[in-house]
Amino acid sequence: MKKETLSLSVERREQVGSKKTAILRAKGIVPGVLYGSGLGQDKPELIQVDALELTKLLSEIEESTLVNVVLENKTYPTLVKDIQKNPLKSEILSVDFFAPDLNEEVETPVVLEFEGISQSEKAGNTLIKIHQEIEVKALPKDLPEHIVVDLTKLVTIDDVIRVSDLVLPKGVEALLDADELIAITEIPQTEEEPELTKEELDALEKSQTDKNAKDQKDE
């Protein structure tokens, strides 16, 4: 069952340039861009959005989640395509919203949701998740928020889960090769003894030489 489409109100942005956008951010406003064929125009819209509302929205969605962006009483179904953040803070610097043509397929990553505990793991083997998400193609309305990976299929160390094993919603096509591995289990690796450095080897050899000399003296 798909979640109800979330909405986000934005305003048209008149202020451009690094200094002016810095002033916006200081007021708790994030600059952004709304673009795509779904706008019904070639020119993108410069927008701005409340930082707190945007942060809340982003915590509730995935990359494949459609979001209704409301601009001047017009609603545009969109995908969040680019979020720039300050690497030293949690501050969002800018955001882009892509408004697709709802009658054309789009390509986007979809998160994999791993469910269950495999018999192979219960036997002491280690689960290896090779992909955390996969690229898919679908009409915007058919995009899933996540794709379930059933880990109970991994019964023994010889079992694997491939793209072809995923149950995709109707109208959704995986863009990875069908034989691409998604998850496997491996025998746990034993921790290897760390290799000694040259200095440690020399010290060990000297210690052994001194011990041998002492033993010969005692004899």
C-alpha atoms as a PDB file:
ATOM      1  CA  MET A   1       0.000   0.000   0.000  1.00  0.00           C
ATOM      2  CA  LYS A   2       1.452   3.344  -1.064  1.00  0.00           C
ATOM      3  CA  LYS A   3       1.665   6.187   1.436  1.00  0.00           C
ATOM      4  CA  GLU A   4      -0.393   9.325   0.993  1.00  0.00           C
ATOM      5  CA  THR A   5       1.495  11.859  -1.105  1.00  0.00           C
ATOM      6  CA  LEU A   6       3.057  14.540   1.074  1.00  0.00           C
ATOM      7  CA  SER A   7       2.880  18.220   0.183  1.00  0.00           C
ATOM      8  CA  LEU A   8       5.318  21.083   0.623  1.00  0.00           C
ATOM      9  CA  SER A   9       4.489  24.760   0.136  1.00  0.00           C
ATOM     10  CA  VAL A  10       7.204  26.864  -1.484  1.00  0.00           C
ATOM     11  CA  GLU A  11       7.504  30.459  -2.627  1.00  0.00           C
ATOM     12  CA  ARG A  12       8.975  31.997  -5.737  1.00  0.00           C
ATOM     13  CA  ARG A  13      12.494  33.296  -5.014  1.00  0.00           C
ATOM     14  CA  GLU A  14      13.493  36.741  -6.198  1.00  0.00           C
ATOM     15  CA  GLN A  15      16.847  36.906  -4.432  1.00  0.00           C
ATOM     16  CA  VAL A  16      19.819  35.365  -6.247  1.00  0.00           C
ATOM     17  CA  GLY A  17      23.545  35.461  -5.695  1.00  0.00           C
ATOM     18  CA  SER A  18      25.682  34.065  -2.889  1.00  0.00           C
ATOM     19  CA  LYS A  19      25.275  37.000  -0.513  1.00  0.00           C
ATOM     20  CA  LYS A  20      21.495  37.164  -0.846  1.00  0.00           C
ATOM     21  CA  THR A  21      21.048  33.394  -0.496  1.00  0.00           C
ATOM     22  CA  ALA A  22      23.271  33.504   2.606  1.00  0.00           C
ATOM     23  CA  ILE A  23      20.848  36.052   4.078  1.00  0.00           C
ATOM     24  CA  LEU A  24      17.940  33.710   3.284  1.00  0.00           C
ATOM     25  CA  ARG A  25      19.646  30.807   5.034  1.00  0.00           C
ATOM     26  CA  ALA A  26      20.310  32.969   8.098  1.00  0.00           C
ATOM     27  CA  LYS A  27      16.527  33.523   8.260  1.00  0.00           C
ATOM     28  CA  GLY A  28      15.835  29.781   8.158  1.00  0.00           C
ATOM     29  CA  ILE A  29      14.950  29.693   4.476  1.00  0.00           C
ATOM     30  CA  VAL A  30      16.463  27.236   1.968  1.00  0.00           C
ATOM     31  CA  PRO A  31      16.903  28.330  -1.677  1.00  0.00           C
ATOM     32  CA  GLY A  32      16.024  25.826  -4.367  1.00  0.00           C
ATOM     33  CA  VAL A  33      15.021  25.107  -7.941  1.00  0.00           C
ATOM     34  CA  LEU A  34      11.867  23.537  -9.375  1.00  0.00           C
ATOM     35  CA  TYR A  35      12.381  22.156 -12.878  1.00  0.00           C
ATOM     36  CA  GLY A  36      11.238  19.485 -15.326  1.00  0.00           C
ATOM     37  CA  SER A  37       8.756  18.874 -18.124  1.00  0.00           C
ATOM     38  CA  GLY A  38       5.950  18.570 -15.576  1.00  0.00           C
ATOM     39  CA  LEU A  39       6.092  22.348 -15.102  1.00  0.00           C
ATOM     40  CA  GLY A  40       4.699  22.888 -18.567  1.00  0.00           C
ATOM     41  CA  GLN A  41       7.474  25.360 -19.353  1.00  0.00           C
ATOM     42  CA  ASP A  42      11.130  25.218 -20.351  1.00  0.00           C
ATOM     43  CA  LYS A  43      12.343  27.708 -17.772  1.00  0.00           C
ATOM     44  CA  PRO A  44      12.881  26.413 -14.210  1.00  0.00           C
ATOM     45  CA  GLU A  45      11.404  28.215 -11.216  1.00  0.00           C
ATOM     46  CA  LEU A  46      13.668  29.651  -8.536  1.00  0.00           C
ATOM     47  CA  ILE A  47      12.027  28.821  -5.212  1.00  0.00           C
ATOM     48  CA  GLN A  48      12.558  29.084  -1.464  1.00  0.00           C
ATOM     49  CA  VAL A  49      11.202  26.920   1.350  1.00  0.00           C
ATOM     50  CA  ASP A  50      11.098  26.990   5.136  1.00  0.00           C
ATOM     51  CA  ALA A  51      14.095  25.024   6.453  1.00  0.00           C
ATOM     52  CA  LEU A  52      12.192  23.311   9.287  1.00  0.00           C
ATOM     53  CA  GLU A  53       9.361  22.170   7.004  1.00  0.00           C
ATOM     54  CA  LEU A  54      11.857  20.891   4.456  1.00  0.00           C
ATOM     55  CA  THR A  55      13.869  19.010   7.086  1.00  0.00           C
ATOM     56  CA  LYS A  56      10.706  17.333   8.397  1.00  0.00           C
ATOM     57  CA  LEU A  57       9.657  16.320   4.888  1.00  0.00           C
ATOM     58  CA  LEU A  58      13.052  14.854   4.015  1.00  0.00           C
ATOM     59  CA  SER A  59      12.973  12.710   7.161  1.00  0.00           C
ATOM     60  CA  GLU A  60       9.763  11.064   5.931  1.00  0.00           C
ATOM     61  CA  ILE A  61      10.589  10.282   2.303  1.00  0.00           C
ATOM     62  CA  GLU A  62      12.930   8.280   0.100  1.00  0.00           C
ATOM     63  CA  GLU A  63      14.521   9.240  -3.227  1.00  0.00           C
ATOM     64  CA  SER A  64      11.646   7.582  -5.097  1.00  0.00           C
ATOM     65  CA  THR A  65       8.872   9.299  -3.094  1.00  0.00           C
ATOM     66  CA  LEU A  66       6.616  11.681  -4.997  1.00  0.00           C
ATOM     67  CA  VAL A  67       6.145  15.011  -3.217  1.00  0.00           C
ATOM     68  CA  ASN A  68       3.506  17.582  -4.158  1.00  0.00           C
ATOM     69  CA  VAL A  69       5.246  20.949  -4.358  1.00  0.00           C
ATOM     70  CA  VAL A  70       2.709  23.777  -4.075  1.00  0.00           C
ATOM     71  CA  LEU A  71       3.729  27.043  -5.718  1.00  0.00           C
ATOM     72  CA  GLU A  72       1.246  29.911  -5.965  1.00  0.00           C
ATOM     73  CA  ASN A  73      -1.811  27.609  -5.744  1.00  0.00           C
ATOM     74  CA  LYS A  74      -0.433  25.242  -8.377  1.00  0.00           C
ATOM     75  CA  THR A  75       0.589  21.702  -7.381  1.00  0.00           C
ATOM     76  CA  TYR A  76       3.455  19.839  -9.051  1.00  0.00           C
ATOM     77  CA  PRO A  77       4.221  16.165  -8.300  1.00  0.00           C
ATOM     78  CA  THR A  78       8.005  16.060  -7.917  1.00  0.00           C
ATOM     79  CA  LEU A  79      11.013  13.994  -6.912  1.00  0.00           C
ATOM     80  CA  VAL A  80      13.772  15.432  -4.728  1.00  0.00           C
ATOM     81  CA  LYS A  81      16.840  15.238  -6.950  1.00  0.00           C
ATOM     82  CA  ASP A  82      19.633  17.165  -5.262  1.00  0.00           C
ATOM     83  CA  ILE A  83      20.197  18.202  -1.658  1.00  0.00           C
ATOM     84  CA  GLN A  84      23.314  20.147  -0.756  1.00  0.00           C
ATOM     85  CA  LYS A  85      24.314  20.276   2.915  1.00  0.00           C
ATOM     86  CA  ASN A  86      26.970  22.002   4.945  1.00  0.00           C
ATOM     87  CA  PRO A  87      29.438  19.155   5.706  1.00  0.00           C
ATOM     88  CA  LEU A  88      30.192  20.633   9.137  1.00  0.00           C
ATOM     89  CA  LYS A  89      26.552  21.136  10.150  1.00  0.00           C
ATOM     90  CA  SER A  90      23.147  19.625   9.521  1.00  0.00           C
ATOM     91  CA  GLU A  91      22.181  22.782   7.626  1.00  0.00           C
ATOM     92  CA  ILE A  92      20.586  22.292   4.195  1.00  0.00           C
ATOM     93  CA  LEU A  93      22.135  24.723   1.726  1.00  0.00           C
ATOM     94  CA  SER A  94      19.901  24.113  -1.302  1.00  0.00           C
ATOM     95  CA  VAL A  95      17.416  21.656  -2.755  1.00  0.00           C
ATOM     96  CA  ASP A  96      16.212  20.781  -6.266  1.00  0.00           C
ATOM     97  CA  PHE A  97      12.780  19.383  -7.110  1.00  0.00           C
ATOM     98  CA  PHE A  98      12.237  17.567 -10.432  1.00  0.00           C
ATOM     99  CA  ALA A  99       8.703  17.686 -11.833  1.00  0.00           C
ATOM    100  CA  PRO A 100       8.429  14.813 -14.329  1.00  0.00           C
ATOM    101  CA  ASP A 101       5.873  14.284 -17.069  1.00  0.00           C
ATOM    102  CA  LEU A 102       3.479  11.907 -15.311  1.00  0.00           C
ATOM    103  CA  ASN A 103       2.900  10.014 -18.574  1.00  0.00           C
ATOM    104  CA  GLU A 104       6.593   9.259 -19.102  1.00  0.00           C
ATOM    105  CA  GLU A 105       8.747   6.719 -17.264  1.00  0.00           C
ATOM    106  CA  VAL A 106      11.511   8.038 -15.030  1.00  0.00           C
ATOM    107  CA  GLU A 107      14.659   6.418 -13.671  1.00  0.00           C
ATOM    108  CA  THR A 108      15.498   6.728  -9.989  1.00  0.00           C
ATOM    109  CA  PRO A 109      17.130   4.779  -7.136  1.00  0.00           C
ATOM    110  CA  VAL A 110      14.836   2.801  -4.826  1.00  0.00           C
ATOM    111  CA  VAL A 111      15.911   1.706  -1.341  1.00  0.00           C
ATOM    112  CA  LEU A 112      16.118  -2.022  -0.582  1.00  0.00           C
ATOM    113  CA  GLU A 113      14.438  -3.068   2.667  1.00  0.00           C
ATOM    114  CA  PHE A 114      15.963  -6.275   4.033  1.00  0.00           C
ATOM    115  CA  GLU A 115      13.479  -8.404   5.971  1.00  0.00           C
ATOM    116  CA  GLY A 116      13.843 -11.616   7.969  1.00  0.00           C
ATOM    117  CA  ILE A 117      16.792 -13.573   9.347  1.00  0.00           C
ATOM    118  CA  SER A 118      18.225 -16.323   7.173  1.00  0.00           C
ATOM    119  CA  GLN A 119      18.979 -19.858   8.292  1.00  0.00           C
ATOM    120  CA  SER A 120      22.516 -19.278   7.045  1.00  0.00           C
ATOM    121  CA  GLU A 121      22.930 -16.379   9.502  1.00  0.00           C
ATOM    122  CA  LYS A 122      21.442 -18.474  12.305  1.00  0.00           C
ATOM    123  CA  ALA A 123      24.108 -21.065  11.514  1.00  0.00           C
ATOM    124  CA  GLY A 124      26.774 -18.443  12.267  1.00  0.00           C
ATOM    125  CA  ASN A 125      27.498 -17.116   8.787  1.00  0.00           C
ATOM    126  CA  THR A 126      27.838 -13.411   7.984  1.00  0.00           C
ATOM    127  CA  LEU A 127      25.271 -11.532   5.892  1.00  0.00           C
ATOM    128  CA  ILE A 128      26.755  -9.409   3.091  1.00  0.00           C
ATOM    129  CA  LYS A 129      24.458  -6.755   1.582  1.00  0.00           C
ATOM    130  CA  ILE A 130      25.967  -5.978  -1.818  1.00  0.00           C
ATOM    131  CA  HIS A 131      23.423  -3.303  -2.757  1.00  0.00           C
ATOM    132  CA  GLN A 132      21.480  -0.960  -0.466  1.00  0.00           C
ATOM    133  CA  GLU A 133      19.401   0.389  -3.357  1.00  0.00           C
ATOM    134  CA  ILE A 134      18.818  -0.307  -7.031  1.00  0.00           C
ATOM    135  CA  GLU A 135      17.987   1.866 -10.010  1.00  0.00           C
ATOM    136  CA  VAL A 136      14.511   1.310 -11.476  1.00  0.00           C
ATOM    137  CA  LYS A 137      12.361   2.660 -14.295  1.00  0.00           C
ATOM    138  CA  ALA A 138       8.618   3.293 -13.959  1.00  0.00           C
ATOM    139  CA  LEU A 139       5.872   5.823 -14.373  1.00  0.00           C
ATOM    140  CA  PRO A 140       6.039   8.328 -11.505  1.00  0.00           C
ATOM    141  CA  LYS A 141       2.759   7.052 -10.009  1.00  0.00           C
ATOM    142  CA  ASP A 142       4.120   3.475  -9.912  1.00  0.00           C
ATOM    143  CA  LEU A 143       7.400   4.238  -8.120  1.00  0.00           C
ATOM    144  CA  PRO A 144       7.698   2.260  -4.860  1.00  0.00           C
ATOM    145  CA  GLU A 145       9.268   3.837  -1.775  1.00  0.00           C
ATOM    146  CA  HIS A 146      11.231   0.638  -1.162  1.00  0.00           C
ATOM    147  CA  ILE A 147      11.666  -2.910  -2.458  1.00  0.00           C
ATOM    148  CA  VAL A 148      11.586  -5.793   0.004  1.00  0.00           C
ATOM    149  CA  VAL A 149      14.461  -8.312   0.034  1.00  0.00           C
ATOM    150  CA  ASP A 150      13.409 -11.599   1.676  1.00  0.00           C
ATOM    151  CA  LEU A 151      16.494 -12.830   3.535  1.00  0.00           C
ATOM    152  CA  THR A 152      14.870 -16.129   4.502  1.00  0.00           C
ATOM    153  CA  LYS A 153      15.787 -17.360   1.018  1.00  0.00           C
ATOM    154  CA  LEU A 154      19.393 -17.657   2.230  1.00  0.00           C
ATOM    155  CA  VAL A 155      19.181 -21.138   3.734  1.00  0.00           C
ATOM    156  CA  THR A 156      22.786 -22.274   3.223  1.00  0.00           C
ATOM    157  CA  ILE A 157      26.126 -20.686   2.372  1.00  0.00           C
ATOM    158  CA  ASP A 158      25.523 -21.608  -1.276  1.00  0.00           C
ATOM    159  CA  ASP A 159      22.303 -19.593  -1.578  1.00  0.00           C
ATOM    160  CA  VAL A 160      22.298 -16.066  -3.015  1.00  0.00           C
ATOM    161  CA  ILE A 161      19.720 -13.384  -3.746  1.00  0.00           C
ATOM    162  CA  ARG A 162      19.894 -11.820  -7.189  1.00  0.00           C
ATOM    163  CA  VAL A 163      17.999  -8.982  -8.853  1.00  0.00           C
ATOM    164  CA  SER A 164      15.857 -11.616 -10.562  1.00  0.00           C
ATOM    165  CA  ASP A 165      14.684 -12.816  -7.112  1.00  0.00           C
ATOM    166  CA  LEU A 166      13.213  -9.425  -6.164  1.00  0.00           C
ATOM    167  CA  VAL A 167       9.442  -9.047  -6.286  1.00  0.00           C
ATOM    168  CA  LEU A 168       8.882  -5.767  -8.117  1.00  0.00           C
ATOM    169  CA  PRO A 169       5.563  -3.901  -8.167  1.00  0.00           C
ATOM    170  CA  LYS A 170       3.613  -3.914 -11.416  1.00  0.00           C
ATOM    171  CA  GLY A 171       5.034  -1.472 -13.940  1.00  0.00           C
ATOM    172  CA  VAL A 172       8.459  -1.283 -12.267  1.00  0.00           C
ATOM    173  CA  GLU A 173      11.581  -2.460 -14.122  1.00  0.00           C
ATOM    174  CA  ALA A 174      14.965  -2.986 -12.460  1.00  0.00           C
ATOM    175  CA  LEU A 175      17.816  -1.467 -14.459  1.00  0.00           C
ATOM    176  CA  LEU A 176      20.481  -3.735 -12.949  1.00  0.00           C
ATOM    177  CA  ASP A 177      21.340  -6.996 -14.688  1.00  0.00           C
ATOM    178  CA  ALA A 178      19.045  -9.832 -13.568  1.00  0.00           C
ATOM    179  CA  ASP A 179      22.055 -11.877 -12.388  1.00  0.00           C
ATOM    180  CA  GLU A 180      23.491  -9.063 -10.247  1.00  0.00           C
ATOM    181  CA  LEU A 181      23.932 -10.184  -6.642  1.00  0.00           C
ATOM    182  CA  ILE A 182      21.936  -8.390  -3.960  1.00  0.00           C
ATOM    183  CA  ALA A 183      22.808 -10.373  -0.826  1.00  0.00           C
ATOM    184  CA  ILE A 184      24.890 -13.418   0.147  1.00  0.00           C
ATOM    185  CA  THR A 185      26.234 -15.035   3.305  1.00  0.00           C
ATOM    186  CA  GLU A 186      29.866 -15.901   3.969  1.00  0.00           C
ATOM    187  CA  ILE A 187      31.761 -17.987   6.495  1.00  0.00           C
ATOM    188  CA  PRO A 188      33.078 -15.578   9.161  1.00  0.00           C
ATOM    189  CA  GLN A 189      36.725 -14.717   8.662  1.00  0.00           C
ATOM    190  CA  THR A 190      39.039 -15.525  11.543  1.00  0.00           C
ATOM    191  CA  GLU A 191      41.097 -12.590  12.769  1.00  0.00           C
ATOM    192  CA  GLU A 192      44.620 -12.918  11.447  1.00  0.00           C
ATOM    193  CA  GLU A 193      47.616 -12.300  13.636  1.00  0.00           C
ATOM    194  CA  PRO A 194      49.044  -8.852  12.802  1.00  0.00           C
ATOM    195  CA  GLU A 195      52.347  -8.914  10.945  1.00  0.00           C
ATOM    196  CA  LEU A 196      55.370  -7.745  12.950  1.00  0.00           C
ATOM    197  CA  THR A 197      57.273  -4.690  11.824  1.00  0.00           C
ATOM    198  CA  LYS A 198      60.993  -4.880  10.983  1.00  0.00           C
ATOM    199  CA  GLU A 199      61.826  -3.208  14.300  1.00  0.00           C
ATOM    200  CA  GLU A 200      59.711  -5.740  16.188  1.00  0.00           C
ATOM    201  CA  LEU A 201      61.329  -8.636  14.313  1.00  0.00           C
ATOM    202  CA  ASP A 202      64.825  -7.276  15.069  1.00  0.00           C
ATOM    203  CA  ALA A 203      63.932  -6.863  18.753  1.00  0.00           C
ATOM    204  CA  LEU A 204      62.494 -10.373  18.898  1.00  0.00           C
ATOM    205  CA  GLU A 205      65.584 -11.827  17.196  1.00  0.00           C
ATOM    206  CA  LYS A 206      67.897  -9.928  19.592  1.00  0.00           C
ATOM    207  CA  SER A 207      65.891 -11.145  22.581  1.00  0.00           C
ATOM    208  CA  GLN A 208      66.142 -14.731  21.372  1.00  0.00           C
ATOM    209  CA  THR A 209      69.913 -14.344  20.727  1.00  0.00           C
ATOM    210  CA  ASP A 210      70.452 -12.918  24.220  1.00  0.00           C
ATOM    211  CA  LYS A 211      68.419 -15.759  25.730  1.00  0.00           C
ATOM    212  CA  ASN A 212      70.429 -18.379  23.833  1.00  0.00           C
ATOM    213  CA  ALA A 213      73.710 -16.753  24.966  1.00  0.00           C
ATOM    214  CA  LYS A 214      72.527 -16.737  28.582  1.00  0.00           C
ATOM    215  CA  ASP A 215      71.478 -20.387  28.383  1.00  0.00           C
ATOM    216  CA  GLN A 216      74.891 -21.364  27.004  1.00  0.00           C
ATOM    217  CA  LYS A 217      76.631 -19.395  29.785  1.00  0.00           C
ATOM    218  CA  ASP A 218      74.563 -21.119  32.465  1.00  0.00           C
ATOM    219  CA  GLU A 219      75.582 -24.491  31.084  1.00  0.00           C
END
